[in-house]
Protein backbone atom coordinates (compact mmCIF):
# COMPACT_ATOMS: atom_id res chain seq x y z
CA MET A 1 51.90 -80.26 -57.90
CA GLU A 2 50.09 -79.40 -60.69
CA GLU A 3 51.92 -78.13 -63.76
CA LYS A 4 51.20 -74.39 -64.34
CA LYS A 5 48.59 -73.67 -67.28
CA ASN A 6 50.49 -69.91 -68.76
CA GLU A 7 50.47 -71.19 -72.42
CA VAL A 8 47.65 -69.88 -74.88
CA ILE A 9 45.96 -71.74 -78.07
CA THR A 10 43.73 -69.91 -80.63
CA PHE A 11 41.69 -72.37 -83.04
CA ARG A 12 38.75 -71.83 -85.24
CA THR A 13 35.97 -74.19 -85.08
CA THR A 14 31.76 -74.18 -86.41
CA GLU A 15 29.40 -71.97 -84.65
CA LYS A 16 27.78 -75.22 -83.88
CA THR A 17 30.69 -76.80 -82.03
CA LYS A 18 31.29 -73.49 -80.21
CA LYS A 19 27.52 -73.60 -79.26
CA ILE A 20 28.03 -77.39 -77.76
CA LEU A 21 31.26 -76.69 -75.73
CA GLN A 22 29.55 -73.79 -74.00
CA GLU A 23 26.36 -75.62 -73.74
CA GLU A 24 28.28 -77.80 -71.60
CA ALA A 25 30.82 -75.66 -70.02
CA LYS A 26 27.59 -74.15 -68.67
CA LYS A 27 26.17 -77.12 -67.21
CA VAL A 28 29.25 -77.84 -65.16
CA GLY A 29 29.99 -74.26 -64.22
CA TRP A 30 33.37 -73.84 -65.98
CA THR A 31 34.65 -71.43 -68.89
CA THR A 32 34.27 -72.56 -72.57
CA GLY A 33 38.05 -72.59 -72.14
CA LYS A 34 38.62 -74.79 -69.41
CA LEU A 35 36.48 -77.36 -70.75
CA ALA A 36 38.51 -77.56 -74.27
CA GLU A 37 41.46 -77.71 -71.73
CA LYS A 38 40.16 -80.70 -70.26
CA ILE A 39 38.65 -82.67 -73.40
CA ILE A 40 42.24 -82.24 -75.07
CA SER A 41 44.65 -83.02 -71.95
CA ASP A 42 42.24 -86.24 -71.44
CA TRP A 43 42.40 -87.07 -75.08
CA ILE A 44 46.30 -86.34 -74.67
CA SER A 45 46.62 -88.88 -71.45
CA LYS A 46 45.12 -91.32 -73.54
CA THR A 47 46.17 -91.87 -76.75
CA ASN A 48 50.49 -91.52 -74.71
CA LYS A 49 49.05 -94.70 -72.56
CA THR A 50 48.16 -96.63 -76.02
CA GLY A 51 51.87 -95.46 -77.87
CA GLY A 52 51.55 -91.80 -78.73
CA SER A 53 51.72 -92.54 -82.33
CA ILE A 54 48.82 -90.11 -83.93
CA SER A 55 47.31 -90.21 -87.04
CA PHE A 56 44.69 -88.49 -88.91
CA ILE A 57 42.55 -88.30 -91.74
CA ILE A 58 39.71 -85.60 -92.21
CA GLN A 59 37.08 -87.78 -94.76
CA ASN A 60 34.65 -85.03 -95.70
CA ASN A 61 35.57 -82.54 -93.90
CA GLU A 62 33.47 -84.06 -90.90
CA THR A 63 34.68 -86.90 -90.13
CA ILE A 64 38.60 -87.75 -87.77
CA ASN A 65 39.86 -90.72 -88.28
CA ILE A 66 42.22 -90.93 -85.38
CA ASN A 67 44.02 -94.82 -85.67
CA GLY A 68 41.71 -96.05 -87.28
CA LYS A 69 38.23 -94.96 -85.17
CA ILE A 70 36.24 -93.01 -86.03
CA ARG A 71 35.60 -89.76 -84.32
């Protein structure tokens, strides 16, 4: 049985990122929130399998370095 989703997170993003999320969500018939939740859930699932330790450095306010990999 799937866990019930009843927690809310709000975050600020750029207009460009929001627009991309909206466009991609529309392609699959989802809401922007559903797409964002799917991306984050998949990322958490993947990182928990590789040790779960998350370290990141924001470089130049554009690039995020997660566990030595540029994202």
